Amino acid sequence: MKDNDKRVALIRLRDIIYSGVRPTVRESGFSTENVEELAKEGLILPSGKMSGDESDRYLIEEISSAGHAFISQHRTLYDQFYLPPTPA
C-alpha cells in the first residue's frame, strides 16, 4: 500500500471504531492483505493473529498510537504543501 492509501484506510477505520463498531476485516471494506499490512506495521491492533482468508473471524480492535501518529504526520505534510498560508 502507498502511504496515502494507508492514511485513508486508517482514517476510515478510526471513524468506524469511534462510532462504536469493532469491524471484522471483511466489514472494514479493505482486503485482508491491506489489513494484514497495517497490522504488521503496527498501525492497527487486530483481535488476534490474522492469517489467510479468515476475514470474518478477526476484529479490528483499535488504531494504535503509531497509527494515530501516521495520520497526524501525513496530515501535517498535506497542510504544509497544499493549504494556502494563513494571513499574519
N, C-alpha and C. Protein backbone atom coordinates (compact mmCIF):
# COMPACT_ATOMS: atom_id res chain seq x y z
N MET A 1 0.84 -1.18 0.00
CA MET A 1 0.00 0.00 0.00
C MET A 1 0.89 1.25 0.00
N LYS A 2 0.43 2.24 -0.70
CA LYS A 2 1.11 3.53 -0.68
C LYS A 2 0.75 4.24 0.62
N ASP A 3 1.59 5.20 1.03
CA ASP A 3 1.34 5.92 2.27
C ASP A 3 -0.01 6.60 2.29
N ASN A 4 -0.40 7.20 1.17
CA ASN A 4 -1.70 7.87 1.13
C ASN A 4 -2.84 6.88 1.30
N ASP A 5 -2.71 5.69 0.71
CA ASP A 5 -3.73 4.65 0.88
C ASP A 5 -3.82 4.20 2.33
N LYS A 6 -2.67 4.10 2.99
CA LYS A 6 -2.65 3.73 4.41
C LYS A 6 -3.35 4.80 5.24
N ARG A 7 -3.05 6.06 4.94
CA ARG A 7 -3.66 7.16 5.69
C ARG A 7 -5.18 7.15 5.53
N VAL A 8 -5.64 6.97 4.31
CA VAL A 8 -7.09 6.94 4.05
C VAL A 8 -7.72 5.75 4.78
N ALA A 9 -7.08 4.60 4.73
CA ALA A 9 -7.60 3.42 5.41
C ALA A 9 -7.66 3.65 6.92
N LEU A 10 -6.61 4.20 7.48
CA LEU A 10 -6.57 4.45 8.92
C LEU A 10 -7.65 5.44 9.34
N ILE A 11 -7.84 6.49 8.56
CA ILE A 11 -8.88 7.48 8.90
C ILE A 11 -10.26 6.84 8.82
N ARG A 12 -10.48 6.05 7.82
CA ARG A 12 -11.78 5.38 7.67
C ARG A 12 -12.01 4.40 8.82
N LEU A 13 -10.99 3.62 9.16
CA LEU A 13 -11.11 2.68 10.28
C LEU A 13 -11.30 3.41 11.60
N ARG A 14 -10.58 4.51 11.78
CA ARG A 14 -10.73 5.31 13.00
C ARG A 14 -12.17 5.78 13.16
N ASP A 15 -12.76 6.27 12.08
CA ASP A 15 -14.14 6.76 12.12
C ASP A 15 -15.12 5.64 12.44
N ILE A 16 -14.90 4.47 11.87
CA ILE A 16 -15.76 3.31 12.14
C ILE A 16 -15.66 2.93 13.61
N ILE A 17 -14.44 2.84 14.12
CA ILE A 17 -14.22 2.42 15.50
C ILE A 17 -14.77 3.45 16.48
N TYR A 18 -14.60 4.75 16.19
CA TYR A 18 -15.11 5.80 17.07
C TYR A 18 -16.64 5.78 17.14
N SER A 19 -17.28 5.24 16.11
CA SER A 19 -18.74 5.17 16.13
C SER A 19 -19.24 4.01 16.99
N GLY A 20 -18.31 3.26 17.58
CA GLY A 20 -18.68 2.17 18.49
C GLY A 20 -18.69 0.80 17.86
N VAL A 21 -18.27 0.69 16.63
CA VAL A 21 -18.26 -0.59 15.92
C VAL A 21 -16.84 -1.16 15.93
N ARG A 22 -16.72 -2.44 16.20
CA ARG A 22 -15.45 -3.14 16.05
C ARG A 22 -15.61 -4.04 14.83
N PRO A 23 -15.20 -3.53 13.64
CA PRO A 23 -15.48 -4.27 12.41
C PRO A 23 -14.58 -5.49 12.25
N THR A 24 -15.13 -6.49 11.58
CA THR A 24 -14.28 -7.59 11.14
C THR A 24 -13.49 -7.06 9.95
N VAL A 25 -12.51 -7.83 9.54
CA VAL A 25 -11.72 -7.42 8.37
C VAL A 25 -12.64 -7.24 7.17
N ARG A 26 -13.55 -8.16 6.96
CA ARG A 26 -14.47 -8.05 5.82
C ARG A 26 -15.36 -6.81 5.94
N GLU A 27 -15.87 -6.54 7.14
CA GLU A 27 -16.75 -5.38 7.33
C GLU A 27 -16.02 -4.06 7.17
N SER A 28 -14.71 -4.07 7.33
CA SER A 28 -13.94 -2.82 7.19
C SER A 28 -13.94 -2.31 5.76
N GLY A 29 -14.19 -3.21 4.81
CA GLY A 29 -14.21 -2.81 3.40
C GLY A 29 -12.85 -2.88 2.74
N PHE A 30 -11.83 -3.31 3.47
CA PHE A 30 -10.49 -3.43 2.92
C PHE A 30 -10.13 -4.89 2.75
N SER A 31 -9.22 -5.15 1.83
CA SER A 31 -8.80 -6.53 1.61
C SER A 31 -8.04 -7.06 2.82
N THR A 32 -8.05 -8.36 2.98
CA THR A 32 -7.31 -8.99 4.07
C THR A 32 -5.84 -8.62 4.00
N GLU A 33 -5.30 -8.57 2.79
CA GLU A 33 -3.88 -8.23 2.63
C GLU A 33 -3.57 -6.83 3.14
N ASN A 34 -4.45 -5.87 2.83
CA ASN A 34 -4.23 -4.50 3.28
C ASN A 34 -4.31 -4.39 4.80
N VAL A 35 -5.29 -5.06 5.39
CA VAL A 35 -5.43 -5.04 6.85
C VAL A 35 -4.23 -5.73 7.50
N GLU A 36 -3.79 -6.85 6.92
CA GLU A 36 -2.61 -7.54 7.45
C GLU A 36 -1.38 -6.64 7.39
N GLU A 37 -1.24 -5.86 6.32
CA GLU A 37 -0.10 -4.96 6.19
C GLU A 37 -0.15 -3.87 7.27
N LEU A 38 -1.33 -3.31 7.51
CA LEU A 38 -1.47 -2.30 8.55
C LEU A 38 -1.15 -2.88 9.92
N ALA A 39 -1.59 -4.12 10.15
CA ALA A 39 -1.31 -4.78 11.43
C ALA A 39 0.17 -5.10 11.58
N LYS A 40 0.79 -5.58 10.51
CA LYS A 40 2.22 -5.91 10.55
C LYS A 40 3.07 -4.68 10.86
N GLU A 41 2.67 -3.54 10.34
CA GLU A 41 3.39 -2.30 10.57
C GLU A 41 3.05 -1.69 11.93
N GLY A 42 2.14 -2.32 12.66
CA GLY A 42 1.78 -1.84 13.99
C GLY A 42 0.87 -0.63 13.99
N LEU A 43 0.17 -0.40 12.88
CA LEU A 43 -0.70 0.78 12.78
C LEU A 43 -2.10 0.51 13.30
N ILE A 44 -2.52 -0.76 13.30
CA ILE A 44 -3.80 -1.15 13.88
C ILE A 44 -3.57 -2.35 14.78
N LEU A 45 -4.55 -2.60 15.66
CA LEU A 45 -4.47 -3.75 16.56
C LEU A 45 -5.66 -4.67 16.31
N PRO A 46 -5.41 -5.80 15.64
CA PRO A 46 -6.49 -6.76 15.44
C PRO A 46 -6.71 -7.57 16.72
N SER A 47 -7.82 -8.29 16.78
CA SER A 47 -8.16 -9.06 17.97
C SER A 47 -7.32 -10.32 18.13
N GLY A 48 -6.59 -10.71 17.12
CA GLY A 48 -5.76 -11.90 17.18
C GLY A 48 -4.84 -11.94 15.98
N LYS A 49 -4.03 -12.98 15.90
CA LYS A 49 -3.11 -13.11 14.76
C LYS A 49 -3.93 -13.50 13.53
N MET A 50 -3.88 -12.66 12.54
CA MET A 50 -4.65 -12.90 11.32
C MET A 50 -3.86 -13.81 10.39
N SER A 51 -4.60 -14.64 9.68
CA SER A 51 -3.93 -15.47 8.69
C SER A 51 -4.90 -15.81 7.57
N GLY A 52 -4.43 -15.63 6.38
CA GLY A 52 -5.16 -16.08 5.20
C GLY A 52 -6.53 -15.46 5.02
N ASP A 53 -7.48 -16.31 4.67
CA ASP A 53 -8.80 -15.86 4.26
C ASP A 53 -9.83 -15.95 5.38
N GLU A 54 -9.44 -15.61 6.59
CA GLU A 54 -10.36 -15.67 7.72
C GLU A 54 -10.89 -14.27 8.04
N SER A 55 -11.36 -13.58 7.03
CA SER A 55 -11.72 -12.17 7.18
C SER A 55 -12.94 -11.94 8.06
N ASP A 56 -13.74 -12.97 8.34
CA ASP A 56 -14.89 -12.81 9.22
C ASP A 56 -14.56 -13.14 10.67
N ARG A 57 -13.36 -13.62 10.91
CA ARG A 57 -13.01 -14.10 12.23
C ARG A 57 -12.36 -13.03 13.11
N TYR A 58 -11.60 -12.13 12.53
CA TYR A 58 -10.82 -11.19 13.31
C TYR A 58 -11.41 -9.79 13.28
N LEU A 59 -11.48 -9.19 14.46
CA LEU A 59 -11.96 -7.82 14.59
C LEU A 59 -10.79 -6.86 14.55
N ILE A 60 -11.06 -5.67 14.12
CA ILE A 60 -10.07 -4.60 14.21
C ILE A 60 -10.42 -3.86 15.49
N GLU A 61 -9.60 -4.06 16.51
CA GLU A 61 -9.89 -3.53 17.84
C GLU A 61 -9.71 -2.02 17.92
N GLU A 62 -8.56 -1.54 17.44
CA GLU A 62 -8.29 -0.11 17.54
C GLU A 62 -7.15 0.30 16.64
N ILE A 63 -7.03 1.60 16.47
CA ILE A 63 -5.89 2.18 15.78
C ILE A 63 -4.82 2.37 16.85
N SER A 64 -3.63 1.92 16.60
CA SER A 64 -2.55 2.04 17.59
C SER A 64 -2.06 3.48 17.67
N SER A 65 -1.26 3.77 18.68
CA SER A 65 -0.69 5.12 18.78
C SER A 65 0.19 5.42 17.58
N ALA A 66 0.86 4.38 17.04
CA ALA A 66 1.66 4.56 15.82
C ALA A 66 0.75 4.91 14.64
N GLY A 67 -0.43 4.32 14.59
CA GLY A 67 -1.39 4.63 13.53
C GLY A 67 -1.89 6.06 13.62
N HIS A 68 -2.17 6.52 14.85
CA HIS A 68 -2.59 7.91 15.02
C HIS A 68 -1.47 8.87 14.65
N ALA A 69 -0.24 8.51 15.01
CA ALA A 69 0.91 9.35 14.64
C ALA A 69 1.08 9.40 13.13
N PHE A 70 0.86 8.26 12.46
CA PHE A 70 0.96 8.18 11.00
C PHE A 70 -0.05 9.13 10.36
N ILE A 71 -1.28 9.13 10.88
CA ILE A 71 -2.32 10.02 10.35
C ILE A 71 -1.90 11.47 10.56
N SER A 72 -1.46 11.80 11.76
CA SER A 72 -1.07 13.18 12.08
C SER A 72 0.11 13.65 11.25
N GLN A 73 1.10 12.78 11.09
CA GLN A 73 2.29 13.14 10.32
C GLN A 73 1.92 13.48 8.89
N HIS A 74 1.11 12.66 8.28
CA HIS A 74 0.75 12.88 6.89
C HIS A 74 -0.21 14.06 6.75
N ARG A 75 -1.02 14.30 7.75
CA ARG A 75 -1.92 15.45 7.71
C ARG A 75 -1.09 16.74 7.75
N THR A 76 -0.07 16.75 8.58
CA THR A 76 0.80 17.92 8.68
C THR A 76 1.51 18.18 7.36
N LEU A 77 2.00 17.12 6.72
CA LEU A 77 2.65 17.28 5.42
C LEU A 77 1.67 17.81 4.39
N TYR A 78 0.44 17.31 4.42
CA TYR A 78 -0.58 17.79 3.49
C TYR A 78 -0.83 19.27 3.71
N ASP A 79 -1.01 19.65 4.99
CA ASP A 79 -1.26 21.06 5.31
C ASP A 79 -0.12 21.94 4.83
N GLN A 80 1.09 21.46 5.03
CA GLN A 80 2.28 22.24 4.68
C GLN A 80 2.36 22.52 3.18
N PHE A 81 1.99 21.55 2.37
CA PHE A 81 2.17 21.68 0.93
C PHE A 81 0.92 22.07 0.16
N TYR A 82 -0.26 21.84 0.70
CA TYR A 82 -1.47 22.02 -0.10
C TYR A 82 -2.44 23.08 0.41
N LEU A 83 -2.28 23.54 1.63
CA LEU A 83 -3.19 24.56 2.12
C LEU A 83 -2.57 25.94 1.94
N PRO A 84 -3.38 26.92 1.64
CA PRO A 84 -2.83 28.27 1.47
C PRO A 84 -2.31 28.78 2.82
N PRO A 85 -1.30 29.63 2.79
CA PRO A 85 -0.78 30.17 4.05
C PRO A 85 -1.82 31.02 4.75
N THR A 86 -1.79 30.99 6.07
CA THR A 86 -2.74 31.80 6.83
C THR A 86 -2.21 33.22 6.94
N PRO A 87 -3.07 34.20 6.83
CA PRO A 87 -2.62 35.60 6.93
C PRO A 87 -2.10 35.89 8.34
N ALA A 88 -1.08 36.72 8.41
CA ALA A 88 -0.49 37.05 9.71
C ALA A 88 -1.18 38.19 10.38
